[in-house]
Amino acid sequence: MEKKETFKIKRETHTVSQKVKDQLKTFNKIRRTILEAIGEEEMNIPDIAAKIGMSKEDTMYYVMSLVKFNKLQAAGMDDMDEYYYYKIKE
């Protein structure tokens, strides 16, 4: 019997639903849109939301996901201490 690594066995026996695949595609599209919008700048949530045409709440969710996954980092706060500025993590 051929030895197989656990992840190979899991890949062969576990199927991913189309819904999950679609959600991942949506997340990746929004992730790229946010990263392209920020570019070399430092932007806060309202600025990002306005630039990409998304609600501030949804933008906050995706930005926090990008911070969690080490794609963005906080770069300071605005003058009124309301919003953090975010930049692409180097």
N, C-alpha and C. Protein backbone atom coordinates (compact mmCIF):
# COMPACT_ATOMS: atom_id res chain seq x y z
N MET A 1 0.84 -1.19 0.00
CA MET A 1 0.00 0.00 0.00
C MET A 1 0.88 1.25 0.00
N GLU A 2 0.53 2.17 -0.84
CA GLU A 2 1.30 3.41 -0.98
C GLU A 2 1.01 4.34 0.19
N LYS A 3 2.06 4.91 0.75
CA LYS A 3 1.87 5.86 1.84
C LYS A 3 1.40 7.20 1.27
N LYS A 4 0.42 7.78 1.91
CA LYS A 4 -0.09 9.09 1.48
C LYS A 4 -0.05 10.03 2.67
N GLU A 5 0.24 11.26 2.35
CA GLU A 5 0.23 12.27 3.40
C GLU A 5 -1.20 12.63 3.74
N THR A 6 -1.41 13.04 4.95
CA THR A 6 -2.75 13.33 5.44
C THR A 6 -3.49 14.33 4.56
N PHE A 7 -2.83 15.40 4.15
CA PHE A 7 -3.52 16.42 3.35
C PHE A 7 -3.94 15.87 1.99
N LYS A 8 -3.19 14.93 1.44
CA LYS A 8 -3.58 14.32 0.17
C LYS A 8 -4.83 13.46 0.34
N ILE A 9 -4.87 12.70 1.41
CA ILE A 9 -6.04 11.88 1.69
C ILE A 9 -7.25 12.77 1.91
N LYS A 10 -7.08 13.83 2.67
CA LYS A 10 -8.18 14.76 2.94
C LYS A 10 -8.67 15.39 1.65
N ARG A 11 -7.77 15.79 0.78
CA ARG A 11 -8.14 16.41 -0.50
C ARG A 11 -8.95 15.44 -1.36
N GLU A 12 -8.58 14.17 -1.31
CA GLU A 12 -9.28 13.16 -2.12
C GLU A 12 -10.65 12.80 -1.56
N THR A 13 -10.81 12.89 -0.25
CA THR A 13 -12.06 12.44 0.38
C THR A 13 -13.00 13.57 0.76
N HIS A 14 -12.50 14.77 0.86
CA HIS A 14 -13.32 15.91 1.31
C HIS A 14 -13.65 16.80 0.12
N THR A 15 -14.91 17.11 -0.04
CA THR A 15 -15.31 18.01 -1.11
C THR A 15 -15.72 19.35 -0.54
N VAL A 16 -15.49 20.39 -1.30
CA VAL A 16 -15.83 21.74 -0.89
C VAL A 16 -17.06 22.17 -1.69
N SER A 17 -18.05 22.71 -1.00
CA SER A 17 -19.29 23.09 -1.67
C SER A 17 -19.05 24.27 -2.62
N GLN A 18 -19.90 24.38 -3.60
CA GLN A 18 -19.81 25.48 -4.55
C GLN A 18 -20.01 26.81 -3.85
N LYS A 19 -20.85 26.85 -2.82
CA LYS A 19 -21.09 28.08 -2.06
C LYS A 19 -19.79 28.59 -1.44
N VAL A 20 -19.03 27.69 -0.85
CA VAL A 20 -17.75 28.07 -0.23
C VAL A 20 -16.77 28.55 -1.29
N LYS A 21 -16.73 27.87 -2.42
CA LYS A 21 -15.85 28.30 -3.51
C LYS A 21 -16.22 29.69 -4.00
N ASP A 22 -17.52 29.95 -4.13
CA ASP A 22 -17.98 31.27 -4.57
C ASP A 22 -17.64 32.35 -3.55
N GLN A 23 -17.79 32.03 -2.26
CA GLN A 23 -17.45 32.99 -1.21
C GLN A 23 -15.96 33.32 -1.24
N LEU A 24 -15.13 32.34 -1.49
CA LEU A 24 -13.69 32.57 -1.57
C LEU A 24 -13.35 33.45 -2.76
N LYS A 25 -14.00 33.22 -3.90
CA LYS A 25 -13.78 34.06 -5.08
C LYS A 25 -14.17 35.50 -4.79
N THR A 26 -15.32 35.69 -4.12
CA THR A 26 -15.77 37.03 -3.76
C THR A 26 -14.78 37.70 -2.82
N PHE A 27 -14.33 36.98 -1.79
CA PHE A 27 -13.37 37.54 -0.85
C PHE A 27 -12.09 37.95 -1.57
N ASN A 28 -11.58 37.10 -2.44
CA ASN A 28 -10.33 37.41 -3.16
C ASN A 28 -10.49 38.61 -4.08
N LYS A 29 -11.64 38.74 -4.71
CA LYS A 29 -11.90 39.91 -5.57
C LYS A 29 -11.92 41.19 -4.75
N ILE A 30 -12.62 41.17 -3.62
CA ILE A 30 -12.68 42.35 -2.75
C ILE A 30 -11.31 42.66 -2.16
N ARG A 31 -10.57 41.63 -1.79
CA ARG A 31 -9.22 41.81 -1.25
C ARG A 31 -8.34 42.55 -2.25
N ARG A 32 -8.35 42.09 -3.51
CA ARG A 32 -7.56 42.75 -4.56
C ARG A 32 -8.01 44.19 -4.76
N THR A 33 -9.32 44.41 -4.75
CA THR A 33 -9.85 45.77 -4.93
C THR A 33 -9.37 46.70 -3.83
N ILE A 34 -9.40 46.25 -2.60
CA ILE A 34 -8.95 47.07 -1.47
C ILE A 34 -7.45 47.34 -1.57
N LEU A 35 -6.67 46.32 -1.83
CA LEU A 35 -5.21 46.50 -1.92
C LEU A 35 -4.84 47.43 -3.07
N GLU A 36 -5.54 47.33 -4.20
CA GLU A 36 -5.29 48.24 -5.32
C GLU A 36 -5.71 49.67 -4.97
N ALA A 37 -6.81 49.81 -4.23
CA ALA A 37 -7.28 51.15 -3.85
C ALA A 37 -6.27 51.83 -2.92
N ILE A 38 -5.71 51.07 -2.00
CA ILE A 38 -4.75 51.66 -1.06
C ILE A 38 -3.43 51.94 -1.77
N GLY A 39 -2.94 51.00 -2.53
CA GLY A 39 -1.68 51.19 -3.25
C GLY A 39 -0.57 51.62 -2.33
N GLU A 40 0.06 52.72 -2.66
CA GLU A 40 1.18 53.24 -1.87
C GLU A 40 0.72 54.22 -0.79
N GLU A 41 -0.58 54.47 -0.71
CA GLU A 41 -1.11 55.45 0.23
C GLU A 41 -1.37 54.84 1.60
N GLU A 42 -1.73 55.70 2.52
CA GLU A 42 -2.28 55.30 3.81
C GLU A 42 -3.71 55.81 3.81
N MET A 43 -4.67 54.92 4.04
CA MET A 43 -6.07 55.30 3.96
C MET A 43 -6.83 54.77 5.16
N ASN A 44 -7.90 55.49 5.54
CA ASN A 44 -8.76 55.03 6.62
C ASN A 44 -10.00 54.35 6.04
N ILE A 45 -10.81 53.77 6.88
CA ILE A 45 -11.98 53.00 6.44
C ILE A 45 -12.94 53.84 5.57
N PRO A 46 -13.35 55.04 6.00
CA PRO A 46 -14.26 55.82 5.15
C PRO A 46 -13.68 56.13 3.77
N ASP A 47 -12.39 56.42 3.71
CA ASP A 47 -11.75 56.72 2.42
C ASP A 47 -11.72 55.49 1.52
N ILE A 48 -11.39 54.34 2.09
CA ILE A 48 -11.36 53.11 1.32
C ILE A 48 -12.77 52.78 0.82
N ALA A 49 -13.75 52.89 1.72
CA ALA A 49 -15.14 52.57 1.37
C ALA A 49 -15.62 53.46 0.23
N ALA A 50 -15.31 54.75 0.31
CA ALA A 50 -15.73 55.68 -0.75
C ALA A 50 -15.04 55.35 -2.07
N LYS A 51 -13.77 55.00 -2.01
CA LYS A 51 -13.01 54.74 -3.23
C LYS A 51 -13.47 53.47 -3.94
N ILE A 52 -13.88 52.46 -3.17
CA ILE A 52 -14.28 51.19 -3.80
C ILE A 52 -15.81 51.05 -3.91
N GLY A 53 -16.55 51.99 -3.34
CA GLY A 53 -18.01 51.95 -3.44
C GLY A 53 -18.66 50.87 -2.58
N MET A 54 -18.16 50.70 -1.37
CA MET A 54 -18.68 49.69 -0.46
C MET A 54 -19.07 50.36 0.85
N SER A 55 -19.98 49.79 1.59
CA SER A 55 -20.37 50.37 2.88
C SER A 55 -19.17 50.35 3.83
N LYS A 56 -19.19 51.28 4.80
CA LYS A 56 -18.09 51.32 5.77
C LYS A 56 -18.05 50.04 6.60
N GLU A 57 -19.22 49.48 6.91
CA GLU A 57 -19.26 48.26 7.72
C GLU A 57 -18.61 47.09 6.99
N ASP A 58 -18.98 46.90 5.72
CA ASP A 58 -18.39 45.81 4.94
C ASP A 58 -16.90 46.04 4.71
N THR A 59 -16.54 47.29 4.46
CA THR A 59 -15.13 47.62 4.26
C THR A 59 -14.33 47.30 5.52
N MET A 60 -14.89 47.63 6.68
CA MET A 60 -14.22 47.34 7.95
C MET A 60 -13.99 45.84 8.10
N TYR A 61 -14.99 45.04 7.75
CA TYR A 61 -14.86 43.58 7.85
C TYR A 61 -13.69 43.08 7.00
N TYR A 62 -13.64 43.52 5.76
CA TYR A 62 -12.58 43.04 4.86
C TYR A 62 -11.22 43.60 5.23
N VAL A 63 -11.15 44.84 5.67
CA VAL A 63 -9.87 45.41 6.09
C VAL A 63 -9.36 44.66 7.32
N MET A 64 -10.23 44.37 8.27
CA MET A 64 -9.80 43.63 9.46
C MET A 64 -9.33 42.22 9.08
N SER A 65 -9.97 41.62 8.09
CA SER A 65 -9.51 40.31 7.60
C SER A 65 -8.11 40.42 7.01
N LEU A 66 -7.87 41.50 6.27
CA LEU A 66 -6.55 41.69 5.67
C LEU A 66 -5.49 41.97 6.73
N VAL A 67 -5.88 42.65 7.81
CA VAL A 67 -4.95 42.85 8.92
C VAL A 67 -4.65 41.50 9.57
N LYS A 68 -5.70 40.72 9.79
CA LYS A 68 -5.53 39.40 10.40
C LYS A 68 -4.61 38.50 9.57
N PHE A 69 -4.77 38.56 8.25
CA PHE A 69 -3.96 37.71 7.37
C PHE A 69 -2.65 38.37 6.97
N ASN A 70 -2.28 39.44 7.68
CA ASN A 70 -0.96 40.05 7.53
C ASN A 70 -0.73 40.73 6.18
N LYS A 71 -1.78 41.25 5.56
CA LYS A 71 -1.66 41.97 4.29
C LYS A 71 -1.65 43.47 4.50
N LEU A 72 -2.34 43.94 5.55
CA LEU A 72 -2.38 45.36 5.89
C LEU A 72 -1.91 45.54 7.32
N GLN A 73 -1.49 46.78 7.61
CA GLN A 73 -1.12 47.12 8.98
C GLN A 73 -1.58 48.54 9.28
N ALA A 74 -1.83 48.79 10.55
CA ALA A 74 -2.21 50.13 10.98
C ALA A 74 -1.01 51.05 10.82
N ALA A 75 -1.30 52.31 10.41
CA ALA A 75 -0.21 53.26 10.16
C ALA A 75 -0.43 54.57 10.90
N GLY A 76 -1.23 54.55 11.94
CA GLY A 76 -1.50 55.76 12.70
C GLY A 76 -2.98 56.08 12.72
N MET A 77 -3.32 57.18 13.42
CA MET A 77 -4.72 57.58 13.54
C MET A 77 -4.92 58.95 12.93
N ASP A 78 -6.18 59.23 12.59
CA ASP A 78 -6.49 60.55 12.05
C ASP A 78 -6.44 61.61 13.16
N ASP A 79 -6.59 62.86 12.79
CA ASP A 79 -6.45 63.97 13.74
C ASP A 79 -7.51 63.95 14.84
N MET A 80 -8.67 63.38 14.57
CA MET A 80 -9.75 63.36 15.56
C MET A 80 -9.78 62.04 16.35
N ASP A 81 -8.78 61.21 16.16
CA ASP A 81 -8.68 59.91 16.84
C ASP A 81 -9.93 59.04 16.62
N GLU A 82 -10.48 59.09 15.41
CA GLU A 82 -11.66 58.28 15.09
C GLU A 82 -11.29 57.03 14.31
N TYR A 83 -10.37 57.18 13.36
CA TYR A 83 -10.06 56.08 12.45
C TYR A 83 -8.57 55.86 12.34
N TYR A 84 -8.21 54.58 12.23
CA TYR A 84 -6.84 54.25 11.91
C TYR A 84 -6.62 54.39 10.42
N TYR A 85 -5.41 54.72 10.06
CA TYR A 85 -4.99 54.65 8.67
C TYR A 85 -4.33 53.30 8.47
N TYR A 86 -4.55 52.72 7.31
CA TYR A 86 -3.98 51.42 6.99
C TYR A 86 -3.10 51.53 5.76
N LYS A 87 -2.07 50.70 5.74
CA LYS A 87 -1.20 50.63 4.57
C LYS A 87 -0.87 49.18 4.32
N ILE A 88 -0.39 48.91 3.12
CA ILE A 88 -0.02 47.55 2.76
C ILE A 88 1.23 47.17 3.55
N LYS A 89 1.19 46.00 4.14
CA LYS A 89 2.31 45.55 4.95
C LYS A 89 3.45 45.12 4.05
N GLU A 90 4.62 45.58 4.39
CA GLU A 90 5.82 45.27 3.59
C GLU A 90 6.49 44.00 4.03
